[in-house]
Amino acid sequence: MDDTARAMRTWGFVAVGASVAALGTAVAFELLRSQSESRARQTDEQVAFKEAMDTMKTQQTIARVFAVSAGVLALTGGVLLVLSAERGESPSSDGVALACLPTSCNAVYRGHF
């Protein structure tokens, strides 16, 4: 595998990993938003209700940004992994294979001179 394919593969895995982290963060902010909404429904004071609603909307926006970021990172990582697989060297046809069955064993060697 050449250096470009190796770098693309590495960055592909980094992007996929970052997408998982971003998705987890989006879920966390969505849970926080849900709690803020419940708090807003339970309050009797108008000022506290508005503060809870503002907090809820902010958390909702942050959750959406992280969710979209997760999708973009996952797509980018997937594309990089596919491209790195296409650029990688094809497997060598040289090699040895050994296969055993209950009744016999076979060995095969293939190579170039």
C-alpha atoms as a PDB file:
ATOM      1  CA  MET A   1       0.000   0.000   0.000  1.00  0.00           C
ATOM      2  CA  ASP A   2       1.474   3.353  -0.991  1.00  0.00           C
ATOM      3  CA  ASP A   3       1.739   6.353   1.343  1.00  0.00           C
ATOM      4  CA  THR A   4      -1.271   8.148  -0.152  1.00  0.00           C
ATOM      5  CA  ALA A   5      -3.546   5.143   0.285  1.00  0.00           C
ATOM      6  CA  ARG A   6      -2.261   4.628   3.817  1.00  0.00           C
ATOM      7  CA  ALA A   7      -2.917   8.282   4.698  1.00  0.00           C
ATOM      8  CA  MET A   8      -6.399   8.131   3.173  1.00  0.00           C
ATOM      9  CA  ARG A   9      -7.149   4.988   5.153  1.00  0.00           C
ATOM     10  CA  THR A  10      -5.924   6.561   8.391  1.00  0.00           C
ATOM     11  CA  TRP A  11      -7.941   9.753   7.873  1.00  0.00           C
ATOM     12  CA  GLY A  12     -10.943   7.667   6.894  1.00  0.00           C
ATOM     13  CA  PHE A  13     -10.872   5.841  10.221  1.00  0.00           C
ATOM     14  CA  VAL A  14     -10.288   9.136  12.063  1.00  0.00           C
ATOM     15  CA  ALA A  15     -13.341  10.671  10.361  1.00  0.00           C
ATOM     16  CA  VAL A  16     -15.536   7.643  11.135  1.00  0.00           C
ATOM     17  CA  GLY A  17     -14.399   7.702  14.768  1.00  0.00           C
ATOM     18  CA  ALA A  18     -15.078  11.426  15.004  1.00  0.00           C
ATOM     19  CA  SER A  19     -18.551  10.861  13.564  1.00  0.00           C
ATOM     20  CA  VAL A  20     -19.314   8.393  16.354  1.00  0.00           C
ATOM     21  CA  ALA A  21     -18.162  10.947  18.935  1.00  0.00           C
ATOM     22  CA  ALA A  22     -20.252  13.683  17.295  1.00  0.00           C
ATOM     23  CA  LEU A  23     -23.308  11.443  17.250  1.00  0.00           C
ATOM     24  CA  GLY A  24     -22.840  10.668  20.934  1.00  0.00           C
ATOM     25  CA  THR A  25     -22.594  14.372  21.697  1.00  0.00           C
ATOM     26  CA  ALA A  26     -25.777  15.030  19.702  1.00  0.00           C
ATOM     27  CA  VAL A  27     -27.631  12.392  21.725  1.00  0.00           C
ATOM     28  CA  ALA A  28     -26.336  13.897  24.985  1.00  0.00           C
ATOM     29  CA  PHE A  29     -27.551  17.384  24.051  1.00  0.00           C
ATOM     30  CA  GLU A  30     -30.898  15.984  22.944  1.00  0.00           C
ATOM     31  CA  LEU A  31     -31.307  14.350  26.359  1.00  0.00           C
ATOM     32  CA  LEU A  32     -30.413  17.654  28.024  1.00  0.00           C
ATOM     33  CA  ARG A  33     -32.966  19.397  25.807  1.00  0.00           C
ATOM     34  CA  SER A  34     -35.637  16.948  26.887  1.00  0.00           C
ATOM     35  CA  GLN A  35     -34.877  17.634  30.543  1.00  0.00           C
ATOM     36  CA  SER A  36     -35.040  21.394  29.945  1.00  0.00           C
ATOM     37  CA  GLU A  37     -38.404  20.985  28.234  1.00  0.00           C
ATOM     38  CA  SER A  38     -39.745  19.003  31.211  1.00  0.00           C
ATOM     39  CA  ARG A  39     -38.432  21.663  33.579  1.00  0.00           C
ATOM     40  CA  ALA A  40     -40.169  24.371  31.519  1.00  0.00           C
ATOM     41  CA  ARG A  41     -43.486  22.502  31.629  1.00  0.00           C
ATOM     42  CA  GLN A  42     -43.300  22.133  35.413  1.00  0.00           C
ATOM     43  CA  THR A  43     -42.567  25.754  36.264  1.00  0.00           C
ATOM     44  CA  ASP A  44     -45.268  28.250  37.191  1.00  0.00           C
ATOM     45  CA  GLU A  45     -43.173  31.402  36.800  1.00  0.00           C
ATOM     46  CA  GLN A  46     -43.077  33.071  33.419  1.00  0.00           C
ATOM     47  CA  VAL A  47     -39.432  34.180  33.718  1.00  0.00           C
ATOM     48  CA  ALA A  48     -38.258  30.685  34.683  1.00  0.00           C
ATOM     49  CA  PHE A  49     -40.326  29.239  31.818  1.00  0.00           C
ATOM     50  CA  LYS A  50     -38.674  31.567  29.291  1.00  0.00           C
ATOM     51  CA  GLU A  51     -35.192  30.762  30.614  1.00  0.00           C
ATOM     52  CA  ALA A  52     -35.874  27.027  30.415  1.00  0.00           C
ATOM     53  CA  MET A  53     -37.263  27.402  26.874  1.00  0.00           C
ATOM     54  CA  ASP A  54     -34.227  29.430  25.773  1.00  0.00           C
ATOM     55  CA  THR A  55     -31.936  26.782  27.214  1.00  0.00           C
ATOM     56  CA  MET A  56     -33.958  24.077  25.475  1.00  0.00           C
ATOM     57  CA  LYS A  57     -33.737  25.795  22.079  1.00  0.00           C
ATOM     58  CA  THR A  58     -29.991  26.313  22.461  1.00  0.00           C
ATOM     59  CA  GLN A  59     -29.481  22.645  23.338  1.00  0.00           C
ATOM     60  CA  GLN A  60     -31.675  21.605  20.416  1.00  0.00           C
ATOM     61  CA  THR A  61     -29.599  23.687  18.005  1.00  0.00           C
ATOM     62  CA  ILE A  62     -26.348  22.253  19.349  1.00  0.00           C
ATOM     63  CA  ALA A  63     -27.743  18.698  19.055  1.00  0.00           C
ATOM     64  CA  ARG A  64     -28.717  19.309  15.428  1.00  0.00           C
ATOM     65  CA  VAL A  65     -25.315  20.760  14.561  1.00  0.00           C
ATOM     66  CA  PHE A  66     -23.562  17.725  16.038  1.00  0.00           C
ATOM     67  CA  ALA A  67     -25.961  15.329  14.277  1.00  0.00           C
ATOM     68  CA  VAL A  68     -25.319  16.931  10.887  1.00  0.00           C
ATOM     69  CA  SER A  69     -21.576  16.970  11.607  1.00  0.00           C
ATOM     70  CA  ALA A  70     -21.735  13.258  12.433  1.00  0.00           C
ATOM     71  CA  GLY A  71     -23.353  12.535   9.083  1.00  0.00           C
ATOM     72  CA  VAL A  72     -20.810  14.591   7.157  1.00  0.00           C
ATOM     73  CA  LEU A  73     -17.891  12.978   8.988  1.00  0.00           C
ATOM     74  CA  ALA A  74     -19.270   9.475   8.444  1.00  0.00           C
ATOM     75  CA  LEU A  75     -19.762  10.137   4.733  1.00  0.00           C
ATOM     76  CA  THR A  76     -16.284  11.634   4.387  1.00  0.00           C
ATOM     77  CA  GLY A  77     -14.706   8.745   6.277  1.00  0.00           C
ATOM     78  CA  GLY A  78     -16.550   6.194   4.164  1.00  0.00           C
ATOM     79  CA  VAL A  79     -15.445   7.842   0.930  1.00  0.00           C
ATOM     80  CA  LEU A  80     -11.824   7.978   2.108  1.00  0.00           C
ATOM     81  CA  LEU A  81     -11.897   4.301   3.095  1.00  0.00           C
ATOM     82  CA  VAL A  82     -13.359   3.261  -0.257  1.00  0.00           C
ATOM     83  CA  LEU A  83     -10.832   5.366  -2.167  1.00  0.00           C
ATOM     84  CA  SER A  84      -7.940   3.994  -0.127  1.00  0.00           C
ATOM     85  CA  ALA A  85      -9.093   0.436  -0.840  1.00  0.00           C
ATOM     86  CA  GLU A  86      -9.165   1.185  -4.564  1.00  0.00           C
ATOM     87  CA  ARG A  87      -5.658   2.691  -4.466  1.00  0.00           C
ATOM     88  CA  GLY A  88      -4.178  -0.139  -2.434  1.00  0.00           C
ATOM     89  CA  GLU A  89      -2.058  -2.786  -4.039  1.00  0.00           C
ATOM     90  CA  SER A  90      -3.771  -5.885  -5.287  1.00  0.00           C
ATOM     91  CA  PRO A  91      -2.883  -8.972  -3.316  1.00  0.00           C
ATOM     92  CA  SER A  92       0.114 -10.871  -4.585  1.00  0.00           C
ATOM     93  CA  SER A  93      -0.562 -14.080  -6.454  1.00  0.00           C
ATOM     94  CA  ASP A  94       2.522 -15.644  -4.834  1.00  0.00           C
ATOM     95  CA  GLY A  95       1.975 -17.768  -1.798  1.00  0.00           C
ATOM     96  CA  VAL A  96       1.369 -21.062  -0.102  1.00  0.00           C
ATOM     97  CA  ALA A  97      -1.967 -22.579   0.843  1.00  0.00           C
ATOM     98  CA  LEU A  98      -2.684 -25.596   3.008  1.00  0.00           C
ATOM     99  CA  ALA A  99      -6.103 -27.199   3.366  1.00  0.00           C
ATOM    100  CA  CYS A 100      -6.965 -30.236   5.429  1.00  0.00           C
ATOM    101  CA  LEU A 101     -10.136 -32.275   5.334  1.00  0.00           C
ATOM    102  CA  PRO A 102     -10.947 -35.292   7.483  1.00  0.00           C
ATOM    103  CA  THR A 103      -9.668 -37.656   4.796  1.00  0.00           C
ATOM    104  CA  SER A 104      -6.712 -35.767   3.281  1.00  0.00           C
ATOM    105  CA  CYS A 105      -4.509 -32.663   3.275  1.00  0.00           C
ATOM    106  CA  ASN A 106      -3.444 -30.641   0.251  1.00  0.00           C
ATOM    107  CA  ALA A 107      -0.749 -28.010  -0.185  1.00  0.00           C
ATOM    108  CA  VAL A 108      -0.363 -25.575  -3.070  1.00  0.00           C
ATOM    109  CA  TYR A 109       2.502 -23.220  -3.871  1.00  0.00           C
ATOM    110  CA  ARG A 110       2.278 -20.524  -6.501  1.00  0.00           C
ATOM    111  CA  GLY A 111       5.053 -18.110  -7.403  1.00  0.00           C
ATOM    112  CA  HIS A 112       7.047 -16.345 -10.097  1.00  0.00           C
ATOM    113  CA  PHE A 113      10.571 -17.026 -11.270  1.00  0.00           C
END
